[in-house]
Protein backbone atom coordinates (compact mmCIF):
# COMPACT_ATOMS: atom_id res chain seq x y z
CA MET A 1 0.00 0.00 0.00
CA LEU A 2 1.39 3.36 -1.01
CA PHE A 3 0.92 6.35 1.27
CA MET A 4 2.11 9.91 0.92
CA LEU A 5 3.13 11.89 3.97
CA ILE A 6 2.43 15.44 2.82
CA VAL A 7 4.36 18.05 4.77
CA LYS A 8 2.48 21.34 4.96
CA SER A 9 4.29 24.66 4.69
CA SER A 10 4.70 27.21 7.44
CA LYS A 11 5.43 30.94 7.40
CA ASN A 12 9.05 30.02 8.06
CA SER A 13 9.36 27.57 5.15
CA GLU A 14 7.47 29.92 2.82
CA ALA A 15 10.06 32.59 3.66
CA GLY A 16 12.69 30.20 2.30
CA ASN A 17 14.32 29.67 5.69
CA ARG A 18 16.23 26.41 6.05
CA PRO A 19 15.48 24.10 9.00
CA SER A 20 17.71 24.21 12.06
CA LEU A 21 20.70 21.86 12.22
CA GLU A 22 18.93 19.84 14.93
CA LEU A 23 15.82 19.41 12.78
CA MET A 24 17.87 18.46 9.72
CA GLU A 25 19.69 15.81 11.77
CA ALA A 26 16.40 14.47 13.16
CA MET A 27 14.90 14.28 9.65
CA ASP A 28 18.04 12.56 8.32
CA LYS A 29 17.72 9.97 11.10
CA TYR A 30 14.02 9.47 10.31
CA ASN A 31 14.74 9.05 6.60
CA LYS A 32 17.50 6.51 7.33
CA GLU A 33 15.03 4.53 9.45
CA LEU A 34 12.54 4.53 6.56
CA ILE A 35 15.24 3.34 4.14
CA GLU A 36 16.55 0.65 6.51
CA ALA A 37 12.99 -0.64 6.99
CA GLY A 38 12.62 -0.80 3.20
CA VAL A 39 9.48 1.37 3.13
CA ARG A 40 10.69 4.67 1.68
CA VAL A 41 10.01 5.05 -2.04
CA MET A 42 10.85 8.74 -2.40
CA ALA A 43 11.24 11.89 -0.32
CA LYS A 44 11.52 15.45 -1.62
CA GLY A 45 11.21 18.98 -0.33
CA LEU A 46 9.67 21.72 -2.44
CA LYS A 47 10.75 25.31 -2.99
CA PRO A 48 8.52 28.01 -1.46
CA SER A 49 5.26 28.78 -3.26
CA SER A 50 6.77 32.07 -4.44
CA SER A 51 8.31 30.00 -7.24
CA GLY A 52 5.11 28.05 -7.84
CA ILE A 53 2.33 28.32 -10.37
CA ARG A 54 -1.31 27.30 -9.94
CA ILE A 55 -3.57 26.42 -12.80
CA SER A 56 -7.28 26.60 -12.02
CA TYR A 57 -10.39 25.81 -14.01
CA PRO A 58 -13.10 28.24 -12.87
CA ASN A 59 -15.24 27.54 -15.94
CA SER A 60 -14.85 24.34 -17.96
CA ALA A 61 -15.86 26.15 -21.15
CA GLU A 62 -13.01 28.66 -20.85
CA ASN A 63 -9.23 28.43 -20.78
CA PRO A 64 -7.55 27.63 -17.47
CA VAL A 65 -6.34 30.52 -15.31
CA VAL A 66 -2.65 30.71 -14.43
CA THR A 67 -1.71 32.29 -11.10
CA GLU A 68 1.88 32.80 -10.00
CA GLY A 69 2.86 32.37 -6.33
CA PRO A 70 3.37 33.12 -3.58
CA PHE A 71 0.15 31.72 -2.23
CA THR A 72 -1.44 32.77 1.04
CA GLU A 73 -2.22 30.50 3.98
CA PRO A 74 0.98 28.41 4.23
CA GLU A 75 -0.88 25.56 5.94
CA ASN A 76 -2.66 24.97 2.61
CA VAL A 77 0.61 24.78 0.66
CA VAL A 78 2.74 21.64 0.34
CA ALA A 79 6.37 21.98 1.47
CA GLY A 80 7.45 18.42 0.72
CA PHE A 81 6.47 14.78 0.77
CA ILE A 82 7.59 11.27 1.58
CA LEU A 83 6.15 8.34 -0.33
CA ILE A 84 6.13 5.07 1.62
CA ASP A 85 5.15 1.51 0.69
CA VAL A 86 3.76 -0.29 3.72
CA ASN A 87 1.51 -3.28 4.52
CA SER A 88 -1.36 -1.42 6.19
CA ARG A 89 -2.95 1.90 7.04
CA GLU A 90 -1.91 1.37 10.65
CA GLU A 91 1.74 0.96 9.64
CA ALA A 92 1.52 4.19 7.61
CA ILE A 93 0.10 6.01 10.64
CA ASP A 94 2.88 4.58 12.79
CA TRP A 95 5.55 5.91 10.42
CA ALA A 96 3.82 9.29 10.21
CA MET A 97 3.73 9.51 14.02
CA ARG A 98 7.50 8.91 14.15
CA MET A 99 8.31 11.90 11.92
CA PRO A 100 9.84 14.82 13.81
CA ASP A 101 7.94 18.11 13.62
CA PRO A 102 8.87 18.86 9.99
CA GLN A 103 8.77 22.63 10.49
CA GLY A 104 10.10 22.80 14.03
CA GLY A 105 8.80 25.06 16.76
CA GLY A 106 5.34 23.48 16.77
CA GLU A 107 4.53 24.75 13.26
CA GLY A 108 4.63 21.35 11.53
CA GLN A 109 1.65 19.58 10.05
CA ILE A 110 1.57 16.31 8.11
CA GLU A 111 -1.28 15.02 6.00
CA LEU A 112 -1.30 11.25 5.37
CA ARG A 113 -3.01 10.07 2.18
CA GLU A 114 -3.25 6.68 0.51
CA VAL A 115 -2.31 6.57 -3.17
CA PHE A 116 -4.73 4.90 -5.62
C-alpha cells in the first residue's frame, strides 16, 4: 500500500528559511530509518510557493487561469512529501507519528493520504 506523507508549509518555510541543524539531523535519522525498513520510495522537499504556479479551471468552457505564487495561507501549501510503501494503514500512521515536527517550533503539520 502506497501512502504519501504530505508536509504542509509554514510561514518560516514559505520565507525560504532552512530548517535548524537539529531538525535536519532528526529528519536525516528518520529518513534513514525509513530506508533501513525498506518502506521509503521517495522523499523530496519543495521550494517556497513564491516560485510556484497554480492552474485553475473556474469555468470548464473557458481556458484555465494561471496564477503565479506566492500563495497565502501556508498551511494549505505543500512543502514536501515522503512516499512510503507499507503493509497497512496502521503501519503508515505509525511511520507518520514517528516523523519529527517537519517545520520545528510546533509549526509542523503532516497530512497522510493513501495513493490509488
